Every structure is written in C-alpha cells, then in structure tokens.
C-alpha atoms as a PDB file:
ATOM      1  CA  MET A   1      71.170  13.949  42.516  1.00  0.00           C
ATOM      2  CA  LYS A   2      69.409  10.828  43.968  1.00  0.00           C
ATOM      3  CA  LEU A   3      66.081  10.191  42.075  1.00  0.00           C
ATOM      4  CA  THR A   4      63.176   9.191  44.091  1.00  0.00           C
ATOM      5  CA  PRO A   5      60.353   6.840  42.776  1.00  0.00           C
ATOM      6  CA  ARG A   6      58.283   9.489  41.927  1.00  0.00           C
ATOM      7  CA  LYS A   7      60.500  11.562  40.221  1.00  0.00           C
ATOM      8  CA  THR A   8      62.170   8.577  38.184  1.00  0.00           C
ATOM      9  CA  PHE A   9      58.484   7.805  37.125  1.00  0.00           C
ATOM     10  CA  LEU A  10      57.543  11.163  35.735  1.00  0.00           C
ATOM     11  CA  SER A  11      61.019  11.124  34.047  1.00  0.00           C
ATOM     12  CA  LEU A  12      59.939   7.932  32.296  1.00  0.00           C
ATOM     13  CA  LEU A  13      56.426   9.485  31.583  1.00  0.00           C
ATOM     14  CA  LEU A  14      57.946  12.343  30.028  1.00  0.00           C
ATOM     15  CA  LEU A  15      60.466  10.534  27.799  1.00  0.00           C
ATOM     16  CA  LEU A  16      57.718   8.302  26.426  1.00  0.00           C
ATOM     17  CA  THR A  17      55.531  10.912  25.654  1.00  0.00           C
ATOM     18  CA  MET A  18      58.329  12.788  23.570  1.00  0.00           C
ATOM     19  CA  LEU A  19      58.778   9.339  21.736  1.00  0.00           C
ATOM     20  CA  PHE A  20      55.242   9.033  21.041  1.00  0.00           C
ATOM     21  CA  SER A  21      54.598  12.584  19.697  1.00  0.00           C
ATOM     22  CA  ALA A  22      57.822  12.070  17.245  1.00  0.00           C
ATOM     23  CA  CYS A  23      56.295   8.916  15.824  1.00  0.00           C
ATOM     24  CA  ALA A  24      52.403  10.221  15.512  1.00  0.00           C
ATOM     25  CA  PRO A  25      51.259  11.220  12.348  1.00  0.00           C
ATOM     26  CA  ALA A  26      50.865  14.997  11.852  1.00  0.00           C
ATOM     27  CA  THR A  27      47.519  16.682  12.333  1.00  0.00           C
ATOM     28  CA  PRO A  28      46.044  17.967   9.188  1.00  0.00           C
ATOM     29  CA  ALA A  29      46.430  21.422   8.437  1.00  0.00           C
ATOM     30  CA  ALA A  30      43.368  23.843   9.281  1.00  0.00           C
ATOM     31  CA  THR A  31      43.176  24.872   5.587  1.00  0.00           C
ATOM     32  CA  GLU A  32      42.332  21.216   4.506  1.00  0.00           C
ATOM     33  CA  PRO A  33      38.961  20.627   6.194  1.00  0.00           C
ATOM     34  CA  ALA A  34      37.105  16.951   5.437  1.00  0.00           C
ATOM     35  CA  PRO A  35      34.782  17.579   2.577  1.00  0.00           C
ATOM     36  CA  GLU A  36      31.166  18.338   3.728  1.00  0.00           C
ATOM     37  CA  ALA A  37      28.412  15.798   2.924  1.00  0.00           C
ATOM     38  CA  ALA A  38      25.913  17.131   0.523  1.00  0.00           C
ATOM     39  CA  THR A  39      22.770  18.847   1.928  1.00  0.00           C
ATOM     40  CA  PRO A  40      19.946  16.182   2.571  1.00  0.00           C
ATOM     41  CA  LEU A  41      16.981  16.568   0.434  1.00  0.00           C
ATOM     42  CA  ILE A  42      13.622  16.642   1.936  1.00  0.00           C
ATOM     43  CA  LEU A  43      10.897  14.804  -0.372  1.00  0.00           C
ATOM     44  CA  ALA A  44       7.255  15.602   1.234  1.00  0.00           C
ATOM     45  CA  THR A  45       5.018  12.822  -0.676  1.00  0.00           C
ATOM     46  CA  THR A  46       1.905  10.813  -0.452  1.00  0.00           C
ATOM     47  CA  THR A  47       1.518   7.520   1.226  1.00  0.00           C
ATOM     48  CA  SER A  48       0.340   5.951  -2.102  1.00  0.00           C
ATOM     49  CA  THR A  49       4.021   6.435  -3.793  1.00  0.00           C
ATOM     50  CA  GLN A  50       5.356   4.775  -0.372  1.00  0.00           C
ATOM     51  CA  ASP A  51       2.930   2.023   0.075  1.00  0.00           C
ATOM     52  CA  SER A  52       2.964   0.801  -3.642  1.00  0.00           C
ATOM     53  CA  GLY A  53       6.600   0.482  -3.449  1.00  0.00           C
ATOM     54  CA  LEU A  54       7.372   2.941  -6.241  1.00  0.00           C
ATOM     55  CA  LEU A  55       9.704   5.356  -4.029  1.00  0.00           C
ATOM     56  CA  ASP A  56      11.628   2.122  -2.974  1.00  0.00           C
ATOM     57  CA  VAL A  57      12.667   2.142  -6.726  1.00  0.00           C
ATOM     58  CA  LEU A  58      13.005   5.882  -7.547  1.00  0.00           C
ATOM     59  CA  VAL A  59      14.738   7.210  -4.566  1.00  0.00           C
ATOM     60  CA  PRO A  60      17.811   4.951  -4.710  1.00  0.00           C
ATOM     61  CA  LEU A  61      18.173   5.429  -8.433  1.00  0.00           C
ATOM     62  CA  PHE A  62      17.966   9.177  -7.852  1.00  0.00           C
ATOM     63  CA  GLU A  63      20.683   9.040  -4.864  1.00  0.00           C
ATOM     64  CA  GLN A  64      22.790   6.981  -7.044  1.00  0.00           C
ATOM     65  CA  GLN A  65      22.875   9.385  -9.967  1.00  0.00           C
ATOM     66  CA  SER A  66      22.794  12.535  -8.382  1.00  0.00           C
ATOM     67  CA  GLY A  67      24.937  12.367  -5.157  1.00  0.00           C
ATOM     68  CA  TYR A  68      22.255  13.860  -2.943  1.00  0.00           C
ATOM     69  CA  THR A  69      20.598  11.914   0.082  1.00  0.00           C
ATOM     70  CA  VAL A  70      16.896  12.010   0.260  1.00  0.00           C
ATOM     71  CA  GLN A  71      14.657  12.204   3.274  1.00  0.00           C
ATOM     72  CA  THR A  72      11.335  10.945   2.663  1.00  0.00           C
ATOM     73  CA  VAL A  73       8.417  12.079   4.476  1.00  0.00           C
ATOM     74  CA  ALA A  74       5.287  10.165   3.432  1.00  0.00           C
ATOM     75  CA  VAL A  75       2.099  11.828   4.522  1.00  0.00           C
ATOM     76  CA  GLY A  76      -1.302  12.762   3.233  1.00  0.00           C
ATOM     77  CA  THR A  77      -1.158  15.258   0.208  1.00  0.00           C
ATOM     78  CA  GLY A  78      -2.719  18.085   2.645  1.00  0.00           C
ATOM     79  CA  ALA A  79       0.089  17.569   4.886  1.00  0.00           C
ATOM     80  CA  ALA A  80       3.101  17.464   2.240  1.00  0.00           C
ATOM     81  CA  LEU A  81       1.336  20.685   0.918  1.00  0.00           C
ATOM     82  CA  LYS A  82       1.545  22.074   4.232  1.00  0.00           C
ATOM     83  CA  MET A  83       5.131  21.269   4.934  1.00  0.00           C
ATOM     84  CA  GLY A  84       5.967  23.007   1.315  1.00  0.00           C
ATOM     85  CA  GLU A  85       3.990  26.090   2.430  1.00  0.00           C
ATOM     86  CA  GLU A  86       5.796  26.431   5.814  1.00  0.00           C
ATOM     87  CA  GLY A  87       9.325  25.557   4.248  1.00  0.00           C
ATOM     88  CA  ASN A  88       9.540  22.419   5.993  1.00  0.00           C
ATOM     89  CA  ALA A  89      10.308  20.279   2.636  1.00  0.00           C
ATOM     90  CA  ASP A  90      12.277  20.956  -0.376  1.00  0.00           C
ATOM     91  CA  VAL A  91      10.211  19.275  -3.134  1.00  0.00           C
ATOM     92  CA  LEU A  92       6.706  17.668  -3.133  1.00  0.00           C
ATOM     93  CA  LEU A  93       5.301  14.654  -5.117  1.00  0.00           C
ATOM     94  CA  VAL A  94       1.565  15.116  -4.510  1.00  0.00           C
ATOM     95  CA  HIS A  95      -1.765  14.248  -6.126  1.00  0.00           C
ATOM     96  CA  ALA A  96      -4.532  17.024  -5.599  1.00  0.00           C
ATOM     97  CA  PRO A  97      -4.453  19.277  -8.395  1.00  0.00           C
ATOM     98  CA  ALA A  98      -6.783  22.003  -7.239  1.00  0.00           C
ATOM     99  CA  ALA A  99      -5.134  22.147  -3.817  1.00  0.00           C
ATOM    100  CA  GLU A 100      -1.887  22.252  -5.606  1.00  0.00           C
ATOM    101  CA  LYS A 101      -2.657  25.277  -7.778  1.00  0.00           C
ATOM    102  CA  GLU A 102      -3.666  27.098  -4.581  1.00  0.00           C
ATOM    103  CA  LEU A 103      -0.132  26.327  -3.422  1.00  0.00           C
ATOM    104  CA  MET A 104       1.437  27.916  -6.388  1.00  0.00           C
ATOM    105  CA  ASN A 105      -0.993  30.847  -6.540  1.00  0.00           C
ATOM    106  CA  ALA A 106      -0.032  31.717  -3.175  1.00  0.00           C
ATOM    107  CA  GLY A 107       3.724  31.775  -4.185  1.00  0.00           C
ATOM    108  CA  PHE A 108       4.667  28.949  -1.937  1.00  0.00           C
ATOM    109  CA  GLY A 109       5.511  26.421  -5.208  1.00  0.00           C
ATOM    110  CA  LYS A 110       8.045  27.731  -7.663  1.00  0.00           C
ATOM    111  CA  ASP A 111       7.753  24.781 -10.239  1.00  0.00           C
ATOM    112  CA  ARG A 112       5.209  22.493 -10.995  1.00  0.00           C
ATOM    113  CA  TYR A 113       5.467  19.668 -13.458  1.00  0.00           C
ATOM    114  CA  LEU A 114       3.171  16.737 -14.543  1.00  0.00           C
ATOM    115  CA  VAL A 115       4.779  13.398 -13.795  1.00  0.00           C
ATOM    116  CA  MET A 116       2.229  10.697 -13.897  1.00  0.00           C
ATOM    117  CA  HIS A 117      -1.284   9.055 -13.240  1.00  0.00           C
ATOM    118  CA  ASN A 118      -3.002   6.229 -12.289  1.00  0.00           C
ATOM    119  CA  ASP A 119      -6.845   5.980 -11.033  1.00  0.00           C
ATOM    120  CA  PHE A 120      -8.871   5.762  -7.793  1.00  0.00           C
ATOM    121  CA  ILE A 121     -10.849   2.635  -7.411  1.00  0.00           C
ATOM    122  CA  LEU A 122     -13.802   1.669  -4.946  1.00  0.00           C
ATOM    123  CA  VAL A 123     -13.042  -1.638  -3.191  1.00  0.00           C
ATOM    124  CA  GLY A 124     -15.110  -3.644  -0.829  1.00  0.00           C
ATOM    125  CA  PRO A 125     -16.092  -7.262   0.426  1.00  0.00           C
ATOM    126  CA  ALA A 126     -16.937  -9.710  -2.271  1.00  0.00           C
ATOM    127  CA  ALA A 127     -20.415 -10.104  -0.939  1.00  0.00           C
ATOM    128  CA  ASP A 128     -21.181  -6.288  -1.932  1.00  0.00           C
ATOM    129  CA  PRO A 129     -23.889  -5.847   0.790  1.00  0.00           C
ATOM    130  CA  ALA A 130     -24.348  -2.161  -0.663  1.00  0.00           C
ATOM    131  CA  GLY A 131     -24.828  -3.192  -4.190  1.00  0.00           C
ATOM    132  CA  VAL A 132     -22.507  -1.141  -5.880  1.00  0.00           C
ATOM    133  CA  LYS A 133     -20.534  -3.268  -8.172  1.00  0.00           C
ATOM    134  CA  GLY A 134     -20.324  -1.552 -11.491  1.00  0.00           C
ATOM    135  CA  ILE A 135     -22.408   1.374 -10.954  1.00  0.00           C
ATOM    136  CA  ALA A 136     -21.207   5.136 -11.281  1.00  0.00           C
ATOM    137  CA  PRO A 137     -18.898   6.423  -8.326  1.00  0.00           C
ATOM    138  CA  ALA A 138     -21.402   9.087  -6.987  1.00  0.00           C
ATOM    139  CA  ASP A 139     -24.440   6.473  -6.931  1.00  0.00           C
ATOM    140  CA  ALA A 140     -21.996   4.194  -4.768  1.00  0.00           C
ATOM    141  CA  PHE A 141     -21.471   6.741  -2.419  1.00  0.00           C
ATOM    142  CA  ARG A 142     -25.214   7.562  -2.112  1.00  0.00           C
ATOM    143  CA  ALA A 143     -25.847   3.457  -1.821  1.00  0.00           C
ATOM    144  CA  PHE A 144     -23.290   3.573   1.185  1.00  0.00           C
ATOM    145  CA  ALA A 145     -25.473   6.168   2.896  1.00  0.00           C
ATOM    146  CA  GLU A 146     -28.762   4.834   2.124  1.00  0.00           C
ATOM    147  CA  LYS A 147     -27.905   1.244   3.223  1.00  0.00           C
ATOM    148  CA  GLY A 148     -25.416   2.315   6.185  1.00  0.00           C
ATOM    149  CA  ALA A 149     -22.545   0.236   4.807  1.00  0.00           C
ATOM    150  CA  THR A 150     -19.370   0.366   6.502  1.00  0.00           C
ATOM    151  CA  PHE A 151     -17.147   2.946   4.768  1.00  0.00           C
ATOM    152  CA  ILE A 152     -13.656   3.651   6.141  1.00  0.00           C
ATOM    153  CA  SER A 153     -12.256   7.152   5.049  1.00  0.00           C
ATOM    154  CA  ARG A 154      -8.678   8.140   5.176  1.00  0.00           C
ATOM    155  CA  GLY A 155      -9.987  11.214   7.119  1.00  0.00           C
ATOM    156  CA  ASP A 156      -6.525  12.874   6.906  1.00  0.00           C
ATOM    157  CA  ASP A 157      -6.883  15.421   4.132  1.00  0.00           C
ATOM    158  CA  SER A 158      -4.706  13.353   1.841  1.00  0.00           C
ATOM    159  CA  GLY A 159      -5.283  13.494  -2.003  1.00  0.00           C
ATOM    160  CA  THR A 160      -7.505  10.483  -1.734  1.00  0.00           C
ATOM    161  CA  HIS A 161      -9.550  11.960   1.192  1.00  0.00           C
ATOM    162  CA  LYS A 162     -10.368  15.009  -1.011  1.00  0.00           C
ATOM    163  CA  MET A 163     -11.408  12.857  -3.790  1.00  0.00           C
ATOM    164  CA  GLU A 164     -13.566  11.027  -1.390  1.00  0.00           C
ATOM    165  CA  LEU A 165     -15.022  14.474  -0.378  1.00  0.00           C
ATOM    166  CA  SER A 166     -15.893  15.550  -3.861  1.00  0.00           C
ATOM    167  CA  PHE A 167     -18.017  12.597  -4.302  1.00  0.00           C
ATOM    168  CA  TRP A 168     -19.961  13.194  -1.105  1.00  0.00           C
ATOM    169  CA  LYS A 169     -20.112  17.040  -2.198  1.00  0.00           C
ATOM    170  CA  LYS A 170     -22.006  15.543  -5.484  1.00  0.00           C
ATOM    171  CA  THR A 171     -24.425  13.630  -3.559  1.00  0.00           C
ATOM    172  CA  GLU A 172     -25.132  16.409  -1.321  1.00  0.00           C
ATOM    173  CA  LEU A 173     -24.719  14.049   1.833  1.00  0.00           C
ATOM    174  CA  ASP A 174     -22.592  14.384   4.904  1.00  0.00           C
ATOM    175  CA  PRO A 175     -21.474  11.391   6.496  1.00  0.00           C
ATOM    176  CA  LYS A 176     -19.656  13.027   9.101  1.00  0.00           C
ATOM    177  CA  GLY A 177     -20.938  11.330  12.655  1.00  0.00           C
ATOM    178  CA  GLN A 178     -22.800   8.412  11.035  1.00  0.00           C
ATOM    179  CA  ALA A 179     -22.199   5.115  12.984  1.00  0.00           C
ATOM    180  CA  TRP A 180     -21.379   3.332   9.554  1.00  0.00           C
ATOM    181  CA  TYR A 181     -18.836   6.064   8.683  1.00  0.00           C
ATOM    182  CA  VAL A 182     -15.197   5.237  10.231  1.00  0.00           C
ATOM    183  CA  GLU A 183     -12.172   7.829   9.769  1.00  0.00           C
ATOM    184  CA  SER A 184      -8.857   6.110  10.182  1.00  0.00           C
ATOM    185  CA  GLY A 185      -6.815   9.011  10.115  1.00  0.00           C
ATOM    186  CA  GLN A 186      -3.856   7.003   8.616  1.00  0.00           C
ATOM    187  CA  GLY A 187      -2.109   6.236   5.343  1.00  0.00           C
ATOM    188  CA  MET A 188      -3.589   4.227   2.335  1.00  0.00           C
ATOM    189  CA  GLY A 189      -2.213   0.711   3.306  1.00  0.00           C
ATOM    190  CA  ALA A 190      -3.349   0.861   6.770  1.00  0.00           C
ATOM    191  CA  THR A 191      -6.902   2.314   5.729  1.00  0.00           C
ATOM    192  CA  LEU A 192      -7.151  -0.628   3.274  1.00  0.00           C
ATOM    193  CA  THR A 193      -6.257  -3.209   6.222  1.00  0.00           C
ATOM    194  CA  ILE A 194      -8.686  -1.786   8.372  1.00  0.00           C
ATOM    195  CA  ALA A 195     -11.439  -1.792   5.437  1.00  0.00           C
ATOM    196  CA  SER A 196     -10.621  -5.501   5.007  1.00  0.00           C
ATOM    197  CA  GLU A 197     -10.906  -6.219   8.618  1.00  0.00           C
ATOM    198  CA  LYS A 198     -14.299  -4.494   8.948  1.00  0.00           C
ATOM    199  CA  GLY A 199     -15.779  -6.143   6.040  1.00  0.00           C
ATOM    200  CA  GLY A 200     -16.088  -2.196   4.922  1.00  0.00           C
ATOM    201  CA  TYR A 201     -15.576  -0.276   1.618  1.00  0.00           C
ATOM    202  CA  THR A 202     -13.110   2.278   0.948  1.00  0.00           C
ATOM    203  CA  LEU A 203     -11.788   4.648  -2.108  1.00  0.00           C
ATOM    204  CA  THR A 204      -8.141   3.809  -2.664  1.00  0.00           C
ATOM    205  CA  ASP A 205      -5.485   4.445  -5.608  1.00  0.00           C
ATOM    206  CA  ARG A 206      -5.120   1.243  -7.600  1.00  0.00           C
ATOM    207  CA  ALA A 207      -1.509   1.241  -7.163  1.00  0.00           C
ATOM    208  CA  THR A 208      -1.478   0.749  -3.210  1.00  0.00           C
ATOM    209  CA  TYR A 209      -4.391  -1.689  -3.513  1.00  0.00           C
ATOM    210  CA  LEU A 210      -2.715  -4.140  -6.021  1.00  0.00           C
ATOM    211  CA  ALA A 211       0.526  -3.747  -3.834  1.00  0.00           C
ATOM    212  CA  ASN A 212      -1.497  -5.003  -0.787  1.00  0.00           C
ATOM    213  CA  LYS A 213      -3.991  -7.227  -2.437  1.00  0.00           C
ATOM    214  CA  GLY A 214      -2.638 -10.382  -1.282  1.00  0.00           C
ATOM    215  CA  SER A 215      -3.269  -9.670   2.354  1.00  0.00           C
ATOM    216  CA  LEU A 216      -6.757  -7.902   2.014  1.00  0.00           C
ATOM    217  CA  ASN A 217     -10.186  -9.400   1.803  1.00  0.00           C
ATOM    218  CA  LEU A 218     -11.445  -6.685  -0.542  1.00  0.00           C
ATOM    219  CA  GLU A 219     -12.066  -6.748  -4.587  1.00  0.00           C
ATOM    220  CA  ILE A 220     -12.476  -3.816  -6.833  1.00  0.00           C
ATOM    221  CA  LEU A 221     -16.057  -3.124  -7.326  1.00  0.00           C
ATOM    222  CA  VAL A 222     -16.207   0.368  -9.089  1.00  0.00           C
ATOM    223  CA  GLU A 223     -13.709   1.518 -11.662  1.00  0.00           C
ATOM    224  CA  GLY A 224     -12.749   3.127 -14.825  1.00  0.00           C
ATOM    225  CA  ASP A 225     -14.683   6.470 -14.457  1.00  0.00           C
ATOM    226  CA  ALA A 226     -13.355   9.478 -15.810  1.00  0.00           C
ATOM    227  CA  THR A 227     -13.875  11.188 -12.173  1.00  0.00           C
ATOM    228  CA  LEU A 228     -11.445   8.753 -10.785  1.00  0.00           C
ATOM    229  CA  LEU A 229      -8.642   9.875 -12.261  1.00  0.00           C
ATOM    230  CA  ASN A 230      -5.735  10.172 -10.018  1.00  0.00           C
ATOM    231  CA  VAL A 231      -2.865  12.763 -11.367  1.00  0.00           C
ATOM    232  CA  TYR A 232       0.516  13.250  -9.910  1.00  0.00           C
ATOM    233  CA  HIS A 233       2.784  16.565  -9.860  1.00  0.00           C
ATOM    234  CA  VAL A 234       6.147  17.342  -8.561  1.00  0.00           C
ATOM    235  CA  ILE A 235       6.708  20.848  -7.005  1.00  0.00           C
ATOM    236  CA  THR A 236       9.607  22.648  -5.904  1.00  0.00           C
ATOM    237  CA  VAL A 237       9.412  24.949  -3.014  1.00  0.00           C
ATOM    238  CA  ASN A 238      10.102  28.446  -3.380  1.00  0.00           C
ATOM    239  CA  PRO A 239      13.195  29.746  -2.179  1.00  0.00           C
ATOM    240  CA  GLU A 240      12.096  33.242  -2.259  1.00  0.00           C
ATOM    241  CA  LYS A 241       9.640  32.414   0.362  1.00  0.00           C
ATOM    242  CA  TRP A 242      12.362  30.001   2.354  1.00  0.00           C
ATOM    243  CA  GLU A 243      15.713  30.825   1.649  1.00  0.00           C
ATOM    244  CA  LYS A 244      17.097  27.783   3.365  1.00  0.00           C
ATOM    245  CA  VAL A 245      15.107  25.265   1.095  1.00  0.00           C
ATOM    246  CA  ASN A 246      17.353  22.971  -1.067  1.00  0.00           C
ATOM    247  CA  TYR A 247      16.131  24.205  -4.264  1.00  0.00           C
ATOM    248  CA  GLU A 248      18.978  23.088  -6.378  1.00  0.00           C
ATOM    249  CA  GLY A 249      18.357  19.451  -5.050  1.00  0.00           C
ATOM    250  CA  ALA A 250      14.771  20.112  -5.613  1.00  0.00           C
ATOM    251  CA  MET A 251      15.124  20.893  -9.414  1.00  0.00           C
ATOM    252  CA  ALA A 252      17.557  18.146  -9.745  1.00  0.00           C
ATOM    253  CA  PHE A 253      14.787  15.720  -8.359  1.00  0.00           C
ATOM    254  CA  ALA A 254      12.235  17.367 -10.763  1.00  0.00           C
ATOM    255  CA  LYS A 255      14.348  17.006 -13.735  1.00  0.00           C
ATOM    256  CA  PHE A 256      15.201  13.372 -12.640  1.00  0.00           C
ATOM    257  CA  ILE A 257      11.491  12.272 -12.209  1.00  0.00           C
ATOM    258  CA  THR A 258      10.216  13.757 -15.264  1.00  0.00           C
ATOM    259  CA  ASP A 259      13.482  12.674 -17.385  1.00  0.00           C
ATOM    260  CA  PRO A 260      12.479   9.928 -20.233  1.00  0.00           C
ATOM    261  CA  ALA A 261      14.591   7.289 -18.707  1.00  0.00           C
ATOM    262  CA  THR A 262      12.838   7.683 -15.377  1.00  0.00           C
ATOM    263  CA  GLN A 263       9.410   8.009 -16.905  1.00  0.00           C
ATOM    264  CA  GLU A 264      10.224   4.680 -18.615  1.00  0.00           C
ATOM    265  CA  VAL A 265      10.990   2.973 -15.072  1.00  0.00           C
ATOM    266  CA  ILE A 266       7.865   4.475 -13.868  1.00  0.00           C
ATOM    267  CA  GLY A 267       5.577   3.165 -16.873  1.00  0.00           C
ATOM    268  CA  LYS A 268       7.242  -0.548 -16.271  1.00  0.00           C
ATOM    269  CA  PHE A 269       6.596  -0.389 -12.414  1.00  0.00           C
ATOM    270  CA  GLY A 270       4.447  -3.328 -11.392  1.00  0.00           C
ATOM    271  CA  VAL A 271       4.205  -5.010 -15.040  1.00  0.00           C
ATOM    272  CA  ASP A 272       6.333  -7.892 -13.778  1.00  0.00           C
ATOM    273  CA  LYS A 273       4.141  -8.567 -10.675  1.00  0.00           C
ATOM    274  CA  PHE A 274       0.819  -7.548 -12.028  1.00  0.00           C
ATOM    275  CA  GLY A 275       0.869  -7.903 -15.647  1.00  0.00           C
ATOM    276  CA  ALA A 276       0.096  -4.091 -15.841  1.00  0.00           C
ATOM    277  CA  PRO A 277       1.541  -0.790 -14.848  1.00  0.00           C
ATOM    278  CA  LEU A 278       0.550   0.640 -11.295  1.00  0.00           C
ATOM    279  CA  PHE A 279       1.525   4.193 -12.881  1.00  0.00           C
ATOM    280  CA  PHE A 280       1.421   5.898 -16.154  1.00  0.00           C
ATOM    281  CA  PRO A 281       4.196   8.280 -17.119  1.00  0.00           C
ATOM    282  CA  ASP A 282       2.829  11.709 -18.163  1.00  0.00           C
ATOM    283  CA  ALA A 283       5.843  14.077 -18.448  1.00  0.00           C
ATOM    284  CA  ASP A 284       5.430  14.192 -22.231  1.00  0.00           C
ATOM    285  CA  LYS A 285       1.589  15.883 -21.658  1.00  0.00           C
ATOM    286  CA  THR A 286      -0.057  18.730 -20.344  1.00  0.00           C
ATOM    287  CA  ASP A 287      -2.686  19.079 -17.755  1.00  0.00           C
ATOM    288  CA  ALA A 288      -5.155  19.841 -20.810  1.00  0.00           C
ATOM    289  CA  ASP A 289      -4.251  16.463 -22.142  1.00  0.00           C
ATOM    290  CA  LEU A 290      -5.688  14.757 -18.973  1.00  0.00           C
ATOM    291  CA  GLY A 291      -8.783  16.925 -18.810  1.00  0.00           C
ATOM    292  CA  LEU A 292      -7.522  18.972 -15.838  1.00  0.00           C
ATOM    293  CA  GLU A 293      -7.825  22.256 -17.280  1.00  0.00           C
END
C-alpha cells in the first residue's frame, strides 16, 4: 500500500510517541503522595512586638526549632483579641490584662501564660510646652488638656490605647473632638512618627520608642511610675470554640516563648544596641508578682 505524506507523518508520530513513552520515568503510585506541608500557625500580636524588632528574632527561631511556618498579623491588642474571639488566629501575644481576662472568662482563650514586660513612657518635644517632664502620668494628661498641647493617640483599641484611656478616665476628662487631640488609627511606629512631625506628645511602649529613636524628634518626659507597667501574655485560642484552630501549633509556640532558653533571648534583646533590654522575661513569675492581681 502506498503511503501518502499524511499517513507517513502519522506513522512517524505514533512511533515517536511509543519511544518517548518507553523512556519516560514511571508515574508515582497513588499510594505515595507528596508529604503535606505543616499547617501555618497564625499569630495575632501587637504592633509593639513587631515594630521593636523582637518578632524578627523570635519567629525565625521558633520556625527553625518547630518546623511550623508562622503567619504574623501585627495589629492593636483589641484587634488581636477579636481575631481570637472569632477563631481567625491560633495564638495571641498581647498586652491588655483586663481585656485578656474577659476573653478567657468568655471561653475563647484556653491557656494564658505570662511572658514578659516593659513599660509605657510619655514622649514629646524637647521644649515640652505642656511642662510635663518628671510629673505623674495622670497629671501629665491633665496638663495636655489644660494647655491644649498636641497629643497623638493610637485611637485603635490597642493595649497602648487602652492604657491611654485609663489615664483620661483618672483625670475625668474626655479629649474626644478637641482640636489638640489627634487619633492616628495606626500602629505605634507610625504614631510616633506623626507625633514627631507635629511636635506633639504620645504614649508609647519603651521598646518601640527606642527602636525608632534615631528618626524621631521626641524625648522621654514621663517614666518610671508603677501605673506605666506594660505586661505581655501568650494566649492559645480555644479549639472547643473553633475546631479548625491549630491548637497543637499554638501550644508549641506558647511553650517556646516561655521556655528558659527563649526567655534568655528576650532578656538580652536590645542590650547590644541600647545598653539595656527592651523587654524583661517573666515566665517564671505570676501576675501577682507584677501587681496585676
């Protein structure tokens, strides 16, 4: 039979297909699937732990030791607690003890451990137009209102914002709507930048201030008062409320951050750059030891 060009082409194509099929590697059996990657761990935390640089040290260390991949969501403590309440996070690292207890009492948190503390400070321009340097925190807030000194608030329901509001409550003053009172609605690093640019005052955690000090025209004016203590806890989200949360990963992170070796890392963080630690490890203490009960 005489082959037409089309039949010749098809015959060659068939022959080549058979040859390549014979040489190709065998397809893996269906019983040998590729290993699945570990479920990412969602850590909801405060902007202060992010902006200070602490998480840049701790998260890679945890990932290396545990094999988990961490997805960090740095928001205000109020938003972080809300994520836990709604089952949108596995573990929380936050600093608003009263609000944390509400979460635990409502059953949305399963485990809560003391991690570390630093302190809040009031910072402002060197000229200090409100004249607050060295006075008590509540008196400083009263002076801001009396003198109409520009004050930049986080305004974001963060732990820092909650602390600020507690001082306004003590003064029995409501700054809302006042021209001198500005709500940034942003994280601590951005709020410090705004305060610096506007020549205003703000309440900040010491760690974030020190980490950004080089780019700020702000000085520490009020510090050292017992009411300015800033305490952090780690909280696992309750799997009985949200069955899809990664509870095993959350507990692994909680054990990691309270482990003596990690606590030592926390205690040394910042010493080389600032001459003093930015956070003080507390896993071996109780809330009562820090005056929280």
